[in-house]
Amino acid sequence: MISTIQRTHLVRVGAVGQIGRFVSVDAVAYRRGMRVVCRTARGLEVGEILSPANDRGQDTDGSILRGMTQQDEMLLERLEKNKQEAMSACTAQLAQRNLDATLIDVEQLFDGQSLFFYFLGEVSPEIERLTEGLAETYDAKVRIREFAKLLDEGCGPGCGTDEGPGCGSSCSTCSLVGGCGVKKTKG
């Protein structure tokens, strides 16, 4: 019988710094602070190792594929330029169309397939059309995040309530644990 060792780590990924449990597919024990390429539910992302986690059969949020290589760093640099261009283009079009929206950040995943636009407050259909047009320009799927809604409701249904965490195994993995509904009670 062949035994496989799984190494689980706590990893921070994404623009809002979501923390999750990730298993190393190559069974490497990565050091704190190392940057790694991860497969998440959203796609390929760059993460930062925070610490090892126990390997006791708990659910994971994704896989660590490898440590960052020089080629990965060069790709990340190019994606950062695309992100900055998309942010500038979106800000310019919001001003040109006189739309009252606050763009907080743009995030492009490591796989280059998805752009996430983070807005503060409500996102109107006109803003959705604008970001879809930008996606065609950058050849990526656009996903809009209403940051204010995320802060108010947390990371999923029932986040911070007695009904359930909604973000995985517990609200301790929620990147917004300090700002989400951890103190909410249903009444």
Protein backbone atom coordinates (compact mmCIF):
# COMPACT_ATOMS: atom_id res chain seq x y z
CA MET A 1 0.00 0.00 0.00
CA ILE A 2 1.39 3.40 -1.01
CA SER A 3 1.03 6.10 1.64
CA THR A 4 0.64 9.70 0.54
CA ILE A 5 1.48 12.56 2.84
CA GLN A 6 -0.77 15.57 2.62
CA ARG A 7 0.50 18.92 3.82
CA THR A 8 -2.19 21.41 4.62
CA HIS A 9 -1.51 25.13 4.97
CA LEU A 10 -3.43 28.26 5.82
CA VAL A 11 -3.14 30.49 2.76
CA ARG A 12 -4.29 34.06 2.06
CA VAL A 13 -5.61 34.60 -1.50
CA GLY A 14 -7.46 37.30 -3.39
CA ALA A 15 -7.76 41.06 -3.17
CA VAL A 16 -9.86 40.90 -0.01
CA GLY A 17 -7.41 38.48 1.59
CA GLN A 18 -9.58 35.39 2.02
CA ILE A 19 -7.89 32.85 4.27
CA GLY A 20 -8.46 29.18 3.62
CA ARG A 21 -7.09 25.69 4.15
CA PHE A 22 -5.16 24.46 1.12
CA VAL A 23 -3.56 21.07 0.57
CA SER A 24 -0.18 20.85 -1.13
CA VAL A 25 -0.50 18.48 -4.10
CA ASP A 26 3.24 17.81 -4.01
CA ALA A 27 3.25 17.21 -0.21
CA VAL A 28 5.72 20.05 0.32
CA ALA A 29 5.70 21.85 3.66
CA TYR A 30 5.90 25.50 2.55
CA ARG A 31 7.36 28.19 4.86
CA ARG A 32 5.44 31.18 6.16
CA GLY A 33 5.53 34.08 3.74
CA MET A 34 6.17 31.99 0.62
CA ARG A 35 4.09 32.82 -2.41
CA VAL A 36 2.39 29.90 -4.09
CA VAL A 37 0.11 29.17 -7.04
CA CYS A 38 -3.24 27.84 -5.81
CA ARG A 39 -6.32 26.38 -7.43
CA THR A 40 -9.42 27.86 -5.79
CA ALA A 41 -13.11 27.73 -6.65
CA ARG A 42 -12.54 30.93 -8.68
CA GLY A 43 -9.57 29.62 -10.69
CA LEU A 44 -5.79 29.92 -10.41
CA GLU A 45 -4.65 32.47 -7.86
CA VAL A 46 -1.47 33.52 -6.13
CA GLY A 47 -1.50 32.96 -2.39
CA GLU A 48 0.71 33.62 0.58
CA ILE A 49 1.46 30.88 3.11
CA LEU A 50 0.44 31.95 6.59
CA SER A 51 1.10 28.76 8.53
CA PRO A 52 0.83 25.00 8.45
CA ALA A 53 -2.55 23.58 9.39
CA ASN A 54 -3.40 20.18 10.80
CA ASP A 55 -4.09 17.38 8.32
CA ARG A 56 -7.04 15.96 10.20
CA GLY A 57 -9.49 15.38 7.38
CA GLN A 58 -11.16 18.80 7.45
CA ASP A 59 -12.49 20.27 4.22
CA THR A 60 -10.06 22.31 2.17
CA ASP A 61 -10.63 25.42 0.09
CA GLY A 62 -8.32 24.38 -2.72
CA SER A 63 -4.91 23.07 -3.70
CA ILE A 64 -1.41 24.48 -3.64
CA LEU A 65 0.07 23.57 -7.02
CA ARG A 66 3.61 24.89 -6.54
CA GLY A 67 5.78 27.65 -5.19
CA MET A 68 6.05 30.72 -7.40
CA THR A 69 8.72 30.43 -10.12
CA GLN A 70 10.51 33.19 -12.02
CA GLN A 71 8.17 32.58 -14.97
CA ASP A 72 5.19 32.93 -12.61
CA GLU A 73 6.59 36.23 -11.32
CA MET A 74 6.94 37.54 -14.89
CA LEU A 75 3.35 36.52 -15.69
CA LEU A 76 2.13 38.16 -12.48
CA GLU A 77 3.92 41.36 -13.48
CA ARG A 78 2.14 41.36 -16.86
CA LEU A 79 -1.22 40.66 -15.19
CA GLU A 80 -0.60 43.57 -12.80
CA LYS A 81 -0.16 45.89 -15.80
CA ASN A 82 -3.46 44.59 -17.25
CA LYS A 83 -5.13 45.16 -13.89
CA GLN A 84 -3.87 48.75 -13.71
CA GLU A 85 -5.01 49.40 -17.29
CA ALA A 86 -8.45 47.93 -16.55
CA MET A 87 -8.74 50.06 -13.40
CA SER A 88 -7.77 53.24 -15.29
CA ALA A 89 -10.13 52.43 -18.17
CA CYS A 90 -13.03 51.71 -15.80
CA THR A 91 -12.44 54.88 -13.78
CA ALA A 92 -12.26 56.96 -16.97
CA GLN A 93 -15.47 55.44 -18.36
CA LEU A 94 -17.30 55.97 -15.05
CA ALA A 95 -16.32 59.66 -15.16
CA GLN A 96 -17.09 59.99 -18.89
CA ARG A 97 -20.57 58.53 -18.40
CA ASN A 98 -21.09 60.54 -15.23
CA LEU A 99 -21.87 57.41 -13.22
CA ASP A 100 -21.92 57.73 -9.46
CA ALA A 101 -19.94 54.66 -8.45
CA THR A 102 -16.77 54.14 -6.44
CA LEU A 103 -14.38 51.61 -7.91
CA ILE A 104 -12.24 50.29 -5.07
CA ASP A 105 -10.05 47.75 -6.83
CA VAL A 106 -9.70 45.46 -9.82
CA GLU A 107 -8.39 41.94 -9.41
CA GLN A 108 -7.19 39.72 -12.23
CA LEU A 109 -6.77 36.06 -11.37
CA PHE A 110 -3.46 34.35 -12.12
CA ASP A 111 -5.02 32.29 -14.90
CA GLY A 112 -5.84 35.55 -16.70
CA GLN A 113 -9.42 34.39 -17.26
CA SER A 114 -11.29 36.54 -14.76
CA LEU A 115 -11.38 40.19 -13.78
CA PHE A 116 -13.11 41.17 -10.57
CA PHE A 117 -14.25 44.78 -10.21
CA TYR A 118 -14.86 45.80 -6.60
CA PHE A 119 -17.32 48.65 -6.16
CA LEU A 120 -18.48 50.34 -3.00
CA GLY A 121 -22.28 50.35 -2.89
CA GLU A 122 -24.91 49.41 -5.44
CA VAL A 123 -23.92 48.32 -8.93
CA SER A 124 -26.36 49.53 -11.58
CA PRO A 125 -27.12 47.67 -14.81
CA GLU A 126 -25.23 50.40 -16.69
CA ILE A 127 -22.11 49.71 -14.63
CA GLU A 128 -22.52 45.99 -15.32
CA ARG A 129 -22.63 46.71 -19.07
CA LEU A 130 -19.55 48.93 -18.76
CA THR A 131 -17.53 46.22 -16.99
CA GLU A 132 -18.68 43.56 -19.48
CA GLY A 133 -17.32 45.78 -22.27
CA LEU A 134 -14.03 46.04 -20.42
CA ALA A 135 -13.93 42.26 -20.13
CA GLU A 136 -14.07 41.96 -23.91
CA THR A 137 -11.18 44.40 -24.15
CA TYR A 138 -9.12 42.35 -21.73
CA ASP A 139 -10.46 38.98 -22.95
CA ALA A 140 -11.63 37.88 -19.53
CA LYS A 141 -14.87 37.12 -17.74
CA VAL A 142 -15.90 40.02 -15.54
CA ARG A 143 -17.25 39.45 -12.10
CA ILE A 144 -18.51 42.35 -10.07
CA ARG A 145 -18.19 42.43 -6.34
CA GLU A 146 -20.28 44.81 -4.30
CA PHE A 147 -17.83 45.41 -1.50
CA ALA A 148 -20.35 47.11 0.79
CA LYS A 149 -22.67 44.09 0.47
CA LEU A 150 -19.79 41.76 1.27
CA LEU A 151 -18.97 43.74 4.40
CA ASP A 152 -22.60 43.74 5.47
CA GLU A 153 -23.48 40.12 4.72
CA GLY A 154 -20.12 38.40 5.08
CA CYS A 155 -18.91 35.67 2.84
CA GLY A 156 -22.01 33.56 2.42
CA PRO A 157 -25.53 32.69 3.50
CA GLY A 158 -25.82 32.70 7.27
CA CYS A 159 -22.30 34.06 7.79
CA GLY A 160 -21.93 34.89 11.44
CA THR A 161 -25.38 33.64 12.45
CA ASP A 162 -26.64 30.60 14.27
CA GLU A 163 -27.85 29.18 10.91
CA GLY A 164 -24.33 28.44 9.79
CA PRO A 165 -21.12 30.01 8.68
CA GLY A 166 -21.70 29.93 4.90
CA CYS A 167 -17.99 30.34 4.25
CA GLY A 168 -16.72 26.85 4.72
CA SER A 169 -15.91 25.20 7.98
CA SER A 170 -16.22 28.24 10.22
CA CYS A 171 -16.25 32.02 10.27
CA SER A 172 -12.67 31.88 11.45
CA THR A 173 -11.76 31.27 7.80
CA CYS A 174 -13.73 34.29 6.62
CA SER A 175 -11.47 37.08 5.41
CA LEU A 176 -13.96 39.55 6.82
CA VAL A 177 -14.28 37.91 10.23
CA GLY A 178 -13.80 41.29 11.89
CA GLY A 179 -16.16 43.13 9.58
CA CYS A 180 -18.80 40.59 8.61
CA GLY A 181 -21.81 39.52 10.56
CA VAL A 182 -19.93 37.58 13.24
CA LYS A 183 -21.83 39.48 15.89
CA LYS A 184 -25.20 39.16 14.12
CA THR A 185 -28.00 37.27 15.75
CA LYS A 186 -31.18 36.21 14.08
CA GLY A 187 -34.24 37.61 15.69
